[in-house]
Protein backbone atom coordinates (compact mmCIF):
# COMPACT_ATOMS: atom_id res chain seq x y z
CA MET A 1 0.00 0.00 0.00
CA LYS A 2 2.75 2.45 0.97
CA LYS A 3 4.60 1.82 -2.28
CA SER A 4 1.50 2.28 -4.41
CA ALA A 5 0.54 5.51 -2.64
CA ILE A 6 4.07 6.89 -3.09
CA LEU A 7 4.06 5.94 -6.79
CA VAL A 8 0.68 7.60 -7.34
CA PHE A 9 1.84 10.71 -5.48
CA ALA A 10 5.13 10.90 -7.38
CA GLY A 11 3.37 10.41 -10.73
CA LEU A 12 0.85 13.15 -10.03
CA MET A 13 3.52 15.52 -8.81
CA PHE A 14 5.59 14.83 -11.93
CA VAL A 15 2.60 15.78 -14.06
CA THR A 16 2.16 18.84 -11.87
CA VAL A 17 5.70 20.02 -12.53
CA LEU A 18 5.42 19.43 -16.27
CA THR A 19 2.04 21.09 -16.68
CA GLY A 20 3.00 23.88 -14.33
CA CYS A 21 5.80 24.85 -16.71
CA SER A 22 3.73 24.85 -19.90
CA LYS A 23 3.64 28.08 -21.92
CA THR A 24 1.26 29.42 -24.47
CA GLU A 25 2.56 29.99 -27.99
CA ASN A 26 0.04 32.72 -28.87
CA ALA A 27 0.60 35.25 -26.07
CA ILE A 28 -2.16 37.77 -25.40
CA THR A 29 -0.98 41.37 -25.19
CA SER A 30 -4.23 43.16 -26.07
CA PHE A 31 -7.98 42.58 -26.15
CA ASP A 32 -7.77 41.96 -29.91
CA ASP A 33 -5.51 38.95 -29.26
CA ALA A 34 -8.22 37.42 -27.06
CA LYS A 35 -11.05 37.54 -29.61
CA ASN A 36 -10.88 33.81 -30.31
CA ALA A 37 -9.17 32.75 -27.09
CA LYS A 38 -10.26 30.25 -24.44
CA ILE A 39 -11.34 32.41 -21.52
CA GLY A 40 -12.18 31.30 -17.98
CA VAL A 41 -14.73 33.05 -15.75
CA LEU A 42 -16.01 32.54 -12.22
CA THR A 43 -19.45 30.90 -12.12
CA GLY A 44 -22.11 33.38 -11.06
CA SER A 45 -19.81 36.37 -11.50
CA THR A 46 -20.06 39.32 -13.87
CA GLY A 47 -17.16 37.79 -15.81
CA GLU A 48 -19.67 35.66 -17.70
CA ALA A 49 -21.52 38.72 -19.03
CA ILE A 50 -18.27 40.58 -19.74
CA ALA A 51 -16.89 37.67 -21.76
CA ALA A 52 -20.09 37.44 -23.79
CA ALA A 53 -20.07 41.18 -24.53
CA LYS A 54 -16.34 41.78 -25.10
CA PHE A 55 -15.33 38.45 -26.66
CA PRO A 56 -18.38 36.99 -28.46
CA ASN A 57 -16.25 34.58 -30.52
CA ALA A 58 -14.19 33.31 -27.59
CA GLN A 59 -14.64 29.90 -25.94
CA VAL A 60 -15.88 30.76 -22.45
CA LYS A 61 -15.54 28.21 -19.65
CA SER A 62 -17.00 28.65 -16.16
CA PHE A 63 -15.20 27.64 -12.97
CA ASP A 64 -16.45 27.55 -9.37
CA ASP A 65 -13.16 28.89 -8.04
CA VAL A 66 -10.58 31.37 -9.35
CA MET A 67 -7.71 28.97 -8.67
CA ASP A 68 -9.42 26.27 -10.75
CA SER A 69 -9.22 28.63 -13.71
CA VAL A 70 -5.58 29.45 -12.92
CA ALA A 71 -4.82 25.71 -12.82
CA ALA A 72 -6.46 25.43 -16.23
CA MET A 73 -4.24 28.24 -17.52
CA LYS A 74 -1.12 26.54 -16.20
CA SER A 75 -2.03 23.29 -17.93
CA GLY A 76 -2.77 25.06 -21.23
CA GLN A 77 -6.55 24.59 -21.10
CA LEU A 78 -7.17 28.36 -21.02
CA ASP A 79 -5.55 31.41 -22.59
CA ALA A 80 -6.94 33.99 -20.17
CA VAL A 81 -9.16 34.49 -17.12
CA ILE A 82 -11.43 37.40 -16.23
CA VAL A 83 -10.85 38.34 -12.57
CA ALA A 84 -11.14 41.29 -10.22
CA PHE A 85 -8.11 43.58 -10.22
CA PRO A 86 -7.10 42.98 -6.55
CA THR A 87 -7.29 39.21 -7.10
CA ALA A 88 -5.14 39.52 -10.23
CA ILE A 89 -2.49 41.31 -8.17
CA GLN A 90 -2.47 38.56 -5.55
CA ILE A 91 -2.14 35.74 -8.08
CA SER A 92 0.62 37.44 -10.07
CA LYS A 93 2.67 38.10 -6.91
CA LEU A 94 3.11 34.37 -6.34
CA ASN A 95 2.86 33.24 -9.96
CA PRO A 96 5.36 35.39 -11.89
CA GLU A 97 4.52 33.70 -15.20
CA PHE A 98 1.16 35.55 -15.16
CA TRP A 99 0.17 39.17 -15.45
CA TYR A 100 -2.91 41.25 -16.33
CA LEU A 101 -3.60 43.68 -19.13
CA PRO A 102 -3.47 47.23 -17.69
CA GLU A 103 -6.67 48.40 -19.37
CA PRO A 104 -9.74 47.28 -17.35
CA LEU A 105 -12.49 45.37 -19.11
CA GLN A 106 -15.13 46.99 -16.98
CA ASN A 107 -15.40 49.08 -13.81
CA GLU A 108 -18.01 47.85 -11.38
CA ASP A 109 -19.71 48.95 -8.18
CA THR A 110 -19.22 46.49 -5.33
CA ALA A 111 -21.98 46.57 -2.72
CA ILE A 112 -23.57 44.61 0.12
CA ALA A 113 -26.47 42.36 -0.91
CA LEU A 114 -29.61 42.04 1.23
CA LYS A 115 -32.79 40.03 0.99
CA LYS A 116 -35.60 42.01 -0.66
CA GLY A 117 -37.98 43.72 1.72
CA ASN A 118 -35.41 44.39 4.44
CA ASP A 119 -35.74 48.15 3.97
CA ASP A 120 -34.83 49.25 7.51
CA LEU A 121 -31.52 47.37 7.50
CA LEU A 122 -30.80 48.61 3.96
CA ALA A 123 -31.24 52.24 5.04
CA THR A 124 -29.04 51.68 8.10
CA LEU A 125 -26.26 50.11 6.04
CA ASN A 126 -26.38 52.95 3.51
CA ASN A 127 -25.89 55.43 6.34
CA ILE A 128 -22.96 53.42 7.73
CA ILE A 129 -21.26 53.20 4.33
CA ALA A 130 -21.75 56.96 3.81
CA GLU A 131 -20.08 57.60 7.20
CA LEU A 132 -17.16 55.29 6.36
CA LYS A 133 -16.64 57.11 3.07
CA ALA A 134 -16.79 60.52 4.70
CA ASP A 135 -14.33 59.78 7.52
CA GLY A 136 -11.80 58.07 5.22
CA THR A 137 -12.22 54.55 6.66
CA LEU A 138 -12.97 52.94 3.30
CA GLU A 139 -9.96 54.63 1.69
CA SER A 140 -7.75 53.42 4.55
CA MET A 141 -9.07 49.87 4.13
CA LYS A 142 -8.35 49.97 0.41
CA ASN A 143 -4.74 51.01 1.01
CA ARG A 144 -4.18 48.35 3.68
CA TRP A 145 -5.70 45.38 1.83
CA PHE A 146 -5.13 46.01 -1.87
CA LYS A 147 -1.32 46.03 -1.92
CA ALA A 148 1.17 45.23 -4.66
CA ASP A 149 3.71 43.59 -2.31
CA LEU A 150 3.78 40.57 0.00
CA SER A 151 4.05 42.55 3.25
CA PRO A 152 1.68 41.48 6.06
CA TYR A 153 -1.83 42.88 6.11
CA LYS A 154 -2.64 45.44 8.80
CA GLU A 155 -6.07 44.55 10.13
CA MET A 156 -8.07 47.11 12.08
CA ASN A 157 -8.64 46.31 15.75
CA ILE A 158 -12.42 46.11 16.14
CA THR A 159 -14.25 45.37 19.40
CA LEU A 160 -17.14 43.11 18.50
CA PRO A 161 -20.29 42.76 20.60
CA THR A 162 -20.93 39.37 22.22
CA GLU A 163 -24.63 39.80 22.94
CA GLY A 164 -27.59 40.65 20.77
CA LYS A 165 -29.18 39.25 17.63
CA LEU A 166 -26.64 37.31 15.54
CA LEU A 167 -25.64 38.94 12.26
CA LYS A 168 -24.98 36.16 9.71
CA ILE A 169 -22.67 37.21 6.87
CA GLY A 170 -22.28 35.19 3.66
CA VAL A 171 -18.77 35.17 2.18
CA SER A 172 -16.73 33.23 -0.33
CA ALA A 173 -13.44 33.08 1.59
CA ALA A 174 -11.28 31.97 -1.31
CA ARG A 175 -10.87 35.41 -2.88
CA GLU A 176 -7.88 37.12 -1.29
CA PRO A 177 -7.75 40.00 -0.47
CA PHE A 178 -11.57 40.41 -0.37
CA SER A 179 -12.23 37.42 1.92
CA PHE A 180 -9.88 34.61 2.92
CA VAL A 181 -8.91 32.37 5.83
CA ASP A 182 -5.75 33.35 7.70
CA LYS A 183 -3.21 31.13 9.48
CA ASN A 184 -5.40 31.02 12.61
CA GLY A 185 -8.42 29.75 10.71
CA LYS A 186 -10.13 33.14 10.97
CA VAL A 187 -12.07 34.57 8.03
CA THR A 188 -10.44 37.90 7.25
CA GLY A 189 -9.89 40.35 4.39
CA HIS A 190 -11.14 43.71 3.14
CA ASP A 191 -14.81 42.71 2.99
CA THR A 192 -14.83 40.78 6.26
CA GLU A 193 -13.26 43.76 8.04
CA LEU A 194 -16.07 45.89 6.64
CA ALA A 195 -18.57 43.32 7.93
CA ARG A 196 -17.00 43.48 11.41
CA ILE A 197 -17.18 47.29 11.40
CA ILE A 198 -20.88 47.05 10.50
CA SER A 199 -21.40 44.45 13.24
CA ALA A 200 -19.83 46.77 15.82
CA LYS A 201 -21.97 49.72 14.69
CA LEU A 202 -25.15 47.61 14.77
CA GLN A 203 -24.16 46.16 18.16
CA ARG A 204 -24.77 42.63 16.90
CA PRO A 205 -22.35 39.67 17.16
CA VAL A 206 -21.21 38.46 13.76
CA GLU A 207 -20.93 34.98 12.23
CA PHE A 208 -19.44 34.22 8.80
CA SER A 209 -20.74 31.46 6.52
CA ASP A 210 -18.07 30.53 4.00
CA MET A 211 -19.47 28.93 0.83
CA LYS A 212 -19.10 28.80 -2.94
CA PHE A 213 -19.69 32.17 -4.61
CA MET A 214 -22.60 30.86 -6.68
CA ALA A 215 -24.33 29.63 -3.49
CA LEU A 216 -24.33 33.04 -1.79
CA ILE A 217 -27.55 34.44 -3.30
CA PRO A 218 -29.56 31.21 -2.66
CA ALA A 219 -28.32 31.33 0.95
CA LEU A 220 -29.47 34.95 1.26
CA GLN A 221 -32.88 34.29 -0.28
CA SER A 222 -33.47 31.28 1.97
CA GLY A 223 -32.58 33.22 5.12
CA LYS A 224 -29.39 31.30 5.90
CA VAL A 225 -27.48 34.59 5.91
CA ASP A 226 -28.60 38.16 6.59
CA MET A 227 -26.34 39.79 4.01
CA ILE A 228 -23.57 39.10 1.52
CA VAL A 229 -20.30 41.00 1.93
CA SER A 230 -18.02 39.28 -0.56
CA GLY A 231 -16.97 41.54 -3.41
CA MET A 232 -20.31 41.18 -5.17
CA THR A 233 -21.12 43.52 -8.04
CA ALA A 234 -24.53 45.18 -8.01
CA THR A 235 -25.76 44.21 -11.49
CA ASP A 236 -29.24 44.80 -12.93
CA GLU A 237 -29.77 41.05 -13.15
CA ARG A 238 -28.93 40.51 -9.48
CA ARG A 239 -31.12 43.43 -8.42
CA LYS A 240 -34.11 41.40 -9.60
CA SER A 241 -33.39 38.86 -6.84
CA VAL A 242 -31.79 40.90 -4.03
CA ASP A 243 -31.34 44.48 -2.88
CA PHE A 244 -27.98 46.25 -2.82
CA THR A 245 -26.60 49.05 -0.67
CA GLN A 246 -24.74 51.98 -2.14
CA PRO A 247 -21.28 50.93 -3.42
CA TYR A 248 -18.43 50.62 -0.92
CA PHE A 249 -15.70 49.88 -3.48
CA ALA A 250 -15.13 50.59 -7.20
CA ASN A 251 -13.82 47.33 -8.62
CA ALA A 252 -12.20 46.74 -12.01
CA GLN A 253 -12.40 43.49 -13.92
CA VAL A 254 -9.21 42.72 -15.85
CA LEU A 255 -7.97 40.10 -18.30
CA PHE A 256 -5.43 37.83 -16.62
CA VAL A 257 -3.02 36.18 -19.06
CA LYS A 258 0.36 34.48 -19.40
CA LYS A 259 3.37 36.72 -19.92
CA THR A 260 4.89 36.89 -23.39
CA SER A 261 8.19 35.64 -21.96
CA VAL A 262 8.94 34.15 -18.59
CA ALA A 263 12.03 32.84 -16.95
CA SER A 264 12.07 29.07 -17.07
CA THR A 265 10.77 27.37 -13.94
CA THR A 266 12.35 24.05 -14.82
CA SER A 267 15.70 24.94 -13.21
CA LEU A 268 14.44 23.61 -9.89
CA SER A 269 14.80 19.88 -9.48
CA PHE A 270 11.71 17.74 -9.22
CA PHE A 271 12.20 17.02 -5.51
CA LYS A 272 13.11 20.63 -4.78
CA SER A 273 9.87 21.77 -6.40
CA ILE A 274 7.91 19.30 -4.29
CA ALA A 275 9.74 20.42 -1.14
CA ASN A 276 8.98 24.09 -1.83
CA SER A 277 5.30 23.37 -2.54
CA PHE A 278 5.06 21.14 0.53
CA HIS A 279 6.42 23.88 2.76
CA SER A 280 4.23 26.67 1.38
CA ASN A 281 1.02 24.59 1.27
CA ILE A 282 1.43 22.44 4.39
CA ILE A 283 4.01 23.77 6.84
CA GLN A 284 3.78 27.54 6.39
CA GLU A 285 1.21 29.13 8.73
CA GLU A 286 0.43 25.57 9.97
CA ARG A 287 -1.89 25.00 7.02
CA TYR A 288 -1.84 21.28 7.73
CA LEU A 289 -4.30 22.02 10.54
CA LEU A 290 -6.86 23.15 7.95
CA ILE A 291 -6.30 19.93 6.01
CA LEU A 292 -6.67 17.80 9.16
CA ASP A 293 -9.91 19.56 10.13
CA GLY A 294 -11.25 19.08 6.61
CA LEU A 295 -10.20 15.43 6.64
CA LYS A 296 -12.01 14.86 9.93
CA THR A 297 -15.19 16.48 8.57
CA THR A 298 -15.06 14.36 5.40
CA VAL A 299 -14.66 11.13 7.39
CA VAL A 300 -17.47 12.06 9.82
CA ILE A 301 -19.90 12.90 7.02
CA SER A 302 -18.95 9.77 5.04
CA VAL A 303 -19.29 7.32 7.93
CA LEU A 304 -22.47 8.77 9.45
CA ALA A 305 -24.14 9.18 6.03
CA THR A 306 -23.32 5.53 5.28
CA VAL A 307 -24.80 4.32 8.57
CA PHE A 308 -27.92 6.47 8.14
CA GLY A 309 -28.24 5.52 4.47
CA THR A 310 -27.85 1.81 5.20
CA LEU A 311 -30.60 1.85 7.86
CA LEU A 312 -32.89 3.98 5.71
CA GLY A 313 -32.13 1.78 2.71
CA ALA A 314 -33.12 -1.32 4.68
CA LEU A 315 -36.45 0.33 5.55
CA VAL A 316 -37.05 1.39 1.94
CA CYS A 317 -36.16 -2.14 0.79
CA PHE A 318 -38.73 -3.60 3.22
CA MET A 319 -41.36 -1.22 1.86
CA ARG A 320 -40.34 -1.92 -1.75
CA MET A 321 -40.72 -5.67 -1.28
CA SER A 322 -44.06 -5.36 0.51
CA LYS A 323 -47.14 -6.58 -1.33
CA LYS A 324 -49.13 -3.66 0.05
CA SER A 325 -49.29 -0.77 -2.39
CA VAL A 326 -49.46 1.74 0.48
CA LEU A 327 -45.86 0.75 1.28
CA ASN A 328 -44.64 -0.38 -2.12
CA LEU A 329 -45.63 2.70 -4.13
CA PRO A 330 -43.96 5.36 -1.91
CA ALA A 331 -40.77 3.28 -1.90
CA LYS A 332 -40.74 3.11 -5.71
CA ILE A 333 -41.30 6.86 -5.98
CA TYR A 334 -38.56 7.57 -3.42
CA ILE A 335 -36.05 5.39 -5.26
CA SER A 336 -36.91 6.89 -8.65
CA ILE A 337 -36.65 10.50 -7.46
CA LEU A 338 -33.42 10.13 -5.47
CA ARG A 339 -31.67 8.05 -8.13
CA GLY A 340 -32.73 10.48 -10.86
CA THR A 341 -31.72 13.69 -9.06
CA PRO A 342 -28.08 14.87 -8.79
CA VAL A 343 -26.90 14.70 -5.20
CA LEU A 344 -25.77 18.36 -5.35
CA VAL A 345 -29.35 19.40 -6.13
CA VAL A 346 -30.63 17.25 -3.26
CA LEU A 347 -28.06 18.78 -0.92
CA MET A 348 -28.95 22.37 -1.80
CA LEU A 349 -32.71 21.73 -1.75
CA ILE A 350 -32.55 20.24 1.74
CA PHE A 351 -30.35 23.03 3.11
CA TYR A 352 -31.88 26.05 1.35
CA VAL A 353 -35.51 24.92 1.08
CA VAL A 354 -36.40 22.19 3.59
CA PHE A 355 -34.33 23.71 6.41
CA ALA A 356 -34.60 27.29 5.16
CA SER A 357 -36.24 28.60 8.34
CA VAL A 358 -34.20 26.40 10.71
CA ASN A 359 -30.89 27.51 12.18
CA ILE A 360 -29.14 24.17 11.70
CA ASP A 361 -25.49 23.22 11.36
CA PRO A 362 -24.76 22.29 7.71
CA VAL A 363 -22.89 19.07 8.65
CA PRO A 364 -26.05 17.20 9.78
CA VAL A 365 -27.77 18.46 6.64
CA ALA A 366 -24.97 16.96 4.54
CA ILE A 367 -25.29 13.65 6.42
CA ILE A 368 -29.04 13.58 5.76
CA ALA A 369 -28.68 14.47 2.07
CA PHE A 370 -25.95 11.93 1.32
CA GLY A 371 -27.67 9.33 3.48
CA MET A 372 -30.92 9.73 1.55
CA ASN A 373 -29.09 9.41 -1.76
CA PHE A 374 -27.16 6.36 -0.52
CA ALA A 375 -30.38 4.75 0.75
CA ALA A 376 -31.98 4.88 -2.70
CA TYR A 377 -29.14 2.84 -4.17
CA VAL A 378 -28.51 0.37 -1.34
CA SER A 379 -32.23 -0.42 -1.02
CA GLU A 380 -32.15 -1.85 -4.53
CA ILE A 381 -28.87 -3.62 -3.74
CA PHE A 382 -30.52 -5.19 -0.69
CA ARG A 383 -33.60 -6.19 -2.67
CA THR A 384 -31.53 -7.84 -5.40
CA GLY A 385 -29.49 -9.74 -2.81
CA ILE A 386 -32.55 -10.97 -0.93
CA GLU A 387 -34.37 -12.05 -4.08
CA GLY A 388 -31.23 -13.91 -5.16
CA VAL A 389 -31.53 -16.37 -2.25
CA ASP A 390 -33.21 -19.59 -3.36
CA LYS A 391 -36.80 -19.74 -2.10
CA GLY A 392 -36.36 -23.40 -1.34
CA GLN A 393 -33.95 -22.53 1.46
CA ILE A 394 -36.54 -20.23 3.01
CA GLU A 395 -39.16 -22.93 2.79
CA ALA A 396 -36.74 -25.42 4.32
CA GLY A 397 -36.11 -23.08 7.23
CA ILE A 398 -39.82 -22.70 7.88
CA ALA A 399 -40.25 -26.50 7.67
CA MET A 400 -37.51 -26.93 10.30
CA GLY A 401 -39.55 -24.84 12.73
CA PHE A 402 -37.85 -21.47 12.25
CA SER A 403 -40.06 -18.39 12.42
CA GLY A 404 -40.08 -16.02 9.49
CA VAL A 405 -37.80 -13.58 11.32
CA ARG A 406 -35.31 -16.28 12.39
CA THR A 407 -35.31 -17.71 8.86
CA PHE A 408 -34.39 -14.26 7.52
CA ILE A 409 -31.68 -13.67 10.15
CA TYR A 410 -29.98 -17.08 10.02
CA ILE A 411 -30.55 -18.17 6.41
CA VAL A 412 -31.37 -15.22 4.14
CA LEU A 413 -29.28 -12.43 5.70
CA PRO A 414 -25.85 -14.17 5.69
CA GLN A 415 -26.21 -15.13 2.04
CA THR A 416 -27.50 -11.67 1.12
CA ALA A 417 -24.54 -9.99 2.84
CA ARG A 418 -22.06 -12.07 0.83
CA ARG A 419 -23.86 -11.29 -2.42
CA ILE A 420 -24.19 -7.53 -1.95
CA LEU A 421 -20.88 -6.60 -0.32
CA PRO A 422 -18.90 -6.22 -3.60
CA VAL A 423 -21.51 -3.78 -5.00
CA TYR A 424 -22.03 -2.12 -1.59
CA LYS A 425 -18.31 -1.34 -1.41
CA GLY A 426 -18.45 0.52 -4.70
CA GLU A 427 -21.41 2.65 -3.58
CA PHE A 428 -19.66 3.38 -0.28
CA VAL A 429 -16.53 4.66 -2.01
CA SER A 430 -18.68 6.71 -4.42
CA LEU A 431 -20.37 8.36 -1.43
CA VAL A 432 -16.99 9.30 0.07
CA LYS A 433 -15.96 11.00 -3.16
CA MET A 434 -19.34 12.76 -3.54
CA THR A 435 -18.86 14.51 -0.19
CA SER A 436 -16.43 16.86 -1.97
CA ILE A 437 -19.39 19.09 -2.92
CA VAL A 438 -20.42 20.04 0.64
CA GLY A 439 -18.64 23.39 0.25
CA TYR A 440 -21.82 24.61 -1.45
CA ILE A 441 -23.55 24.69 1.96
CA ALA A 442 -20.63 26.19 3.91
CA VAL A 443 -19.08 22.96 5.20
CA GLN A 444 -15.29 23.01 5.47
CA ASP A 445 -14.46 19.50 4.28
CA LEU A 446 -11.25 18.21 2.72
CA THR A 447 -11.92 19.79 -0.68
CA LYS A 448 -12.92 23.11 0.88
CA ALA A 449 -9.75 23.09 2.98
CA SER A 450 -7.78 22.61 -0.24
CA ASP A 451 -9.58 25.60 -1.78
CA ILE A 452 -8.68 27.73 1.26
CA VAL A 453 -5.01 26.74 1.01
CA ARG A 454 -4.96 27.48 -2.73
CA SER A 455 -6.56 30.87 -2.12
CA ARG A 456 -3.60 31.77 0.14
CA THR A 457 -0.68 30.18 -1.69
CA PHE A 458 -2.05 30.59 -5.24
CA ASP A 459 -0.49 27.21 -5.99
CA ALA A 460 -2.82 25.77 -8.60
CA PHE A 461 -1.76 22.11 -8.42
CA PHE A 462 -0.11 20.90 -5.22
CA PRO A 463 -3.20 21.18 -2.94
CA LEU A 464 -5.28 19.32 -5.53
CA VAL A 465 -2.73 16.52 -5.77
CA MET A 466 -2.53 16.34 -1.98
CA VAL A 467 -6.31 16.06 -1.64
CA ALA A 468 -6.42 13.41 -4.37
CA ILE A 469 -3.92 11.34 -2.37
CA LEU A 470 -5.93 11.79 0.84
CA TYR A 471 -9.19 10.73 -0.83
CA PHE A 472 -7.35 7.73 -2.24
CA LEU A 473 -6.13 6.78 1.25
CA ILE A 474 -9.59 7.21 2.78
CA SER A 475 -11.17 5.08 0.06
CA TRP A 476 -8.44 2.44 0.34
CA PHE A 477 -8.83 2.16 4.12
CA LEU A 478 -12.63 1.87 3.89
CA MET A 479 -12.35 -0.71 1.11
CA GLN A 480 -9.96 -2.78 3.22
CA SER A 481 -12.39 -2.62 6.14
CA LEU A 482 -15.29 -3.83 4.02
CA GLU A 483 -13.15 -6.53 2.40
CA TYR A 484 -12.36 -7.81 5.90
CA VAL A 485 -16.10 -7.99 6.63
CA GLU A 486 -16.55 -9.79 3.31
CA ARG A 487 -13.91 -12.36 4.25
CA ILE A 488 -15.24 -13.14 7.72
CA THR A 489 -18.77 -13.64 6.35
CA ASP A 490 -17.51 -16.11 3.74
CA PRO A 491 -18.07 -19.76 4.88
CA LYS A 492 -14.99 -20.84 2.90
CA PHE A 493 -12.86 -18.43 4.92
CA LYS A 494 -14.27 -19.82 8.16
CA ARG A 495 -13.59 -23.41 7.06
CA ARG A 496 -10.00 -22.53 6.09
CA LYS A 497 -9.49 -20.83 9.42
CA MET A 498 -10.79 -23.87 11.30
CA SER A 499 -8.64 -26.27 9.26
CA ASN A 500 -5.53 -24.21 9.98
CA ALA A 501 -6.25 -24.11 13.70
């Protein structure tokens, strides 16, 4: 196992080094050069509309995270990315092979988003923003957070209230310097400092919900957050769904491209490159703690969702096999709906619709969603296994004086377990890998932890490779556990064990 894991890791890292050094032949130095280019945009951002308007003949690809698009640029899948100017500065500081065209594509007004109908809070926030503009606070924040060097940020010391109605702020903390997670695991940045200032002025304790950018507006509309303070542009399209305050920052969208000529990065040896990436992504600022926390969350969700899904699947299987239509029909409908609906849709529906008015931790919601999805599949696995047992054996058990329950426990169940375990293992591993989407409901799992690390180091590949290895190890360990169960339930294994004794 150790050898195979090392080989997989080394192979992926080798690909990382090679793809990380790739260069584009047709360098983009002006907007005209990008007319037919492959351009990346952030899903749900104004970049999508800008790309359609400015580059109608370009191939536009959407990404859920800025660093995903940067990774695509490094591997040659994209020629350019549309990003906010402060983000472009941050990426180029740590990725010298990239730069941005000096002329902005579009200047935008960044504002705080509120749920429609919250007029009193909207008026209060407008007054606060006007005060911050007048006394120079916003200008000071801009100078402290939007810097062209790598010097430490100077965060304002704000005394936050501990009592009062909780103010829930929606952020996408993978967009340094707007919002990001620092070395202490604290959500910080230009926009989160603004949110803390507002919290202090409103005399309300603040709580940040970190989620994917495209999930912010659904979270606001469902009442999961009170406002969005995350570099969001107040567009006409968004105003149809939410209200915006007056602007607190004038943001420019720029075209981020590869430089026409860059110093070769291949001078570093393979192992030196790995060592540098390992230090910056794992050791520096104790970022391994984020990975460990995310790993723990992934394991907890996977195991508890499997237990819940197995029990629920057994119940659905019982209903499905019942001759009574009052039980059989609902089970069929449940299986059809859950198997035909993407698990991401199920996850977001449960969190943003079913539990919209409930202040619930997103981890139990993830367990419920994945458990329900798992149950739909394992119920059919159970049914197939049970129906595969010869009916003559059941009749023989009854003839020997066994009750129906004892016949099922001692005759049907052991044979069913042996039949279904190979397929059950596959579904179990699939569930583990599916948990990587829980970031959409503000759960910091293993994948989300990787996104946070990438948002700080702007290393497009190493965190992804690291997470791939960790998912591989989790899946391997769980597979070994289930294979052990499969062996001890095999009569041949028991007979061999007795003969060797």
